[in-house]
Protein backbone atom coordinates (compact mmCIF):
# COMPACT_ATOMS: atom_id res chain seq x y z
CA MET A 1 39.61 125.90 66.89
CA LEU A 2 41.44 123.75 64.39
CA PRO A 3 45.22 123.45 64.54
CA ALA A 4 46.95 125.65 61.94
CA ASN A 5 48.65 122.72 60.19
CA ILE A 6 45.30 121.16 59.22
CA LYS A 7 44.84 123.56 56.33
CA ASN A 8 48.35 122.70 55.12
CA VAL A 9 47.49 119.00 55.16
CA CYS A 10 44.30 119.64 53.22
CA PHE A 11 46.19 121.70 50.66
CA HIS A 12 47.97 118.51 49.61
CA ILE A 13 44.80 116.40 49.49
CA LYS A 14 43.27 116.52 46.00
CA ASN A 15 39.85 115.18 46.99
CA HIS A 16 37.81 117.97 48.59
CA ALA A 17 35.32 115.57 50.22
CA VAL A 18 38.12 113.63 51.94
CA CYS A 19 39.65 116.89 53.10
CA GLN A 20 36.33 118.08 54.56
CA LEU A 21 35.84 114.74 56.32
CA PHE A 22 39.31 115.06 57.81
CA ILE A 23 38.64 118.63 58.97
CA ASN A 24 35.32 117.58 60.53
CA PHE A 25 37.01 114.68 62.32
CA VAL A 26 39.74 116.89 63.76
CA ALA A 27 37.14 119.49 64.78
CA MET A 28 35.15 116.78 66.57
CA LEU A 29 38.28 115.62 68.41
CA GLU A 30 39.06 119.19 69.45
CA LYS A 31 35.51 119.72 70.71
CA LEU A 32 35.56 116.48 72.73
CA LYS A 33 39.03 117.26 74.08
CA SER A 34 37.75 120.60 75.35
CA LYS A 35 34.47 119.20 76.72
CA TRP A 36 36.14 116.28 78.48
CA GLU A 37 39.12 118.37 79.63
CA LEU A 38 41.66 116.03 78.03
CA ARG A 39 45.15 117.03 76.96
CA THR A 40 45.64 115.33 73.59
CA ASN A 41 43.67 113.91 70.69
CA TRP A 42 45.16 110.53 71.60
CA ASP A 43 43.47 110.80 75.00
CA VAL A 44 40.15 111.47 73.23
CA LEU A 45 40.64 108.45 71.00
CA ALA A 46 41.52 106.30 74.02
CA VAL A 47 38.31 107.38 75.78
CA ILE A 48 36.24 106.61 72.68
CA ILE A 49 37.91 103.19 72.41
CA VAL A 50 37.16 102.48 76.10
CA PHE A 51 33.48 103.37 75.59
CA SER A 52 33.37 101.11 72.52
CA ILE A 53 35.04 98.11 74.13
CA SER A 54 32.96 98.45 77.31
CA GLY A 55 29.74 98.56 75.31
CA SER A 56 30.79 95.55 73.28
CA SER A 57 31.82 93.63 76.39
CA ILE A 58 28.49 94.22 78.10
CA MET A 59 26.76 92.55 75.16
CA PHE A 60 28.56 89.33 76.13
CA VAL A 61 27.87 89.71 79.87
CA ARG A 62 24.17 90.65 79.72
CA PRO A 63 23.04 87.17 78.59
CA LEU A 64 25.03 85.64 81.46
CA TRP A 65 23.28 87.86 84.02
CA PHE A 66 19.90 87.19 82.45
CA LYS A 67 20.51 83.44 82.41
CA LEU A 68 21.64 83.55 86.06
CA PHE A 69 18.33 85.21 87.00
CA GLY A 70 16.27 82.89 84.77
CA VAL A 71 15.18 85.59 82.32
CA THR A 72 13.54 84.18 79.20
CA ASP A 73 11.58 85.59 76.27
CA ALA A 74 8.45 85.17 78.40
CA THR A 75 9.85 87.37 81.17
CA PRO A 76 7.98 90.69 81.33
CA PHE A 77 9.86 93.70 80.02
CA TRP A 78 9.60 95.58 83.32
CA LEU A 79 11.41 92.73 85.11
CA LYS A 80 14.13 92.62 82.43
CA ALA A 81 14.57 96.37 82.83
CA ILE A 82 14.95 96.06 86.60
CA ILE A 83 17.50 93.27 86.27
CA TRP A 84 19.35 95.33 83.67
CA LEU A 85 19.48 98.34 85.96
CA ILE A 86 20.55 96.33 89.01
CA MET A 87 23.13 94.05 87.36
CA VAL A 88 24.10 95.04 83.83
CA PHE A 89 24.40 98.81 84.28
CA PRO A 90 26.87 98.55 87.22
CA THR A 91 28.82 95.89 85.33
CA TYR A 92 29.20 98.36 82.45
CA GLN A 93 30.54 100.96 84.88
CA VAL A 94 33.12 98.47 86.16
CA PHE A 95 34.14 97.70 82.57
CA LEU A 96 34.66 101.42 81.97
CA LEU A 97 37.05 101.57 84.92
CA ILE A 98 38.92 98.39 83.95
CA TYR A 99 39.36 99.35 80.30
CA GLY A 100 40.03 102.95 81.31
CA PHE A 101 42.92 101.68 83.43
CA ILE A 102 44.25 99.54 80.58
CA PHE A 103 44.14 102.50 78.16
CA GLY A 104 45.59 104.98 80.66
CA GLN A 105 42.34 106.87 81.20
CA PHE A 106 41.38 105.61 84.68
CA ALA A 107 41.40 109.12 86.21
CA PHE A 108 39.00 110.37 83.53
CA PHE A 109 36.53 107.53 84.07
CA TRP A 110 36.87 107.59 87.87
CA LYS A 111 35.95 111.29 87.85
CA LYS A 112 32.88 110.54 85.68
CA GLU A 113 31.86 107.61 87.89
CA LYS A 114 32.00 109.77 91.02
CA LYS A 115 29.86 112.45 89.36
CA MET A 116 27.31 109.85 88.27
CA ALA A 117 27.23 108.22 91.71
CA GLN A 118 26.56 111.61 93.30
CA ALA A 119 23.77 112.31 90.81
CA ILE A 120 22.15 108.91 91.47
CA PHE A 121 22.48 109.44 95.23
CA LYS A 122 20.79 112.84 94.94
CA LEU A 123 18.05 111.30 92.82
CA PHE A 124 17.22 108.67 95.43
CA THR A 125 17.66 110.87 98.49
CA GLY A 126 15.73 113.78 97.07
CA SER A 127 18.65 116.15 97.62
CA LYS A 128 18.76 119.17 95.40
CA SER A 129 21.89 120.90 94.22
CA GLU A 130 23.21 123.43 96.68
CA GLU A 131 21.66 126.82 96.19
CA LYS A 132 23.76 129.93 96.57
CA ALA A 133 22.96 131.98 99.63
CA ASP A 134 22.13 135.61 98.95
């Protein structure tokens, strides 16, 4: 549901395409705010920024991990994938928490990290989600 004042803002914008882009952007923020259970659009933007910065940061760290493990162009893809999963993926998760703290969204990312850790644990232990007793 779009805020009521959005239509008023668009009334003053002469370019219909710009107005529609603005409406779509606000609708996307509202949808993410609801899905992620955030309070404000600023929180949504902060989360998006944290994802962006974390992803960008990992691009600088990945070559360092690969160099540390001696990965070259000749290294088989399966070995690169294993090293990525063991080293780079957890590093990305740490970046999410660090940048989440900096941008005031640590609680959001900590909650997501715990959910993901539980899912990974269940995957490796073979546990299935709890079934309701009849």
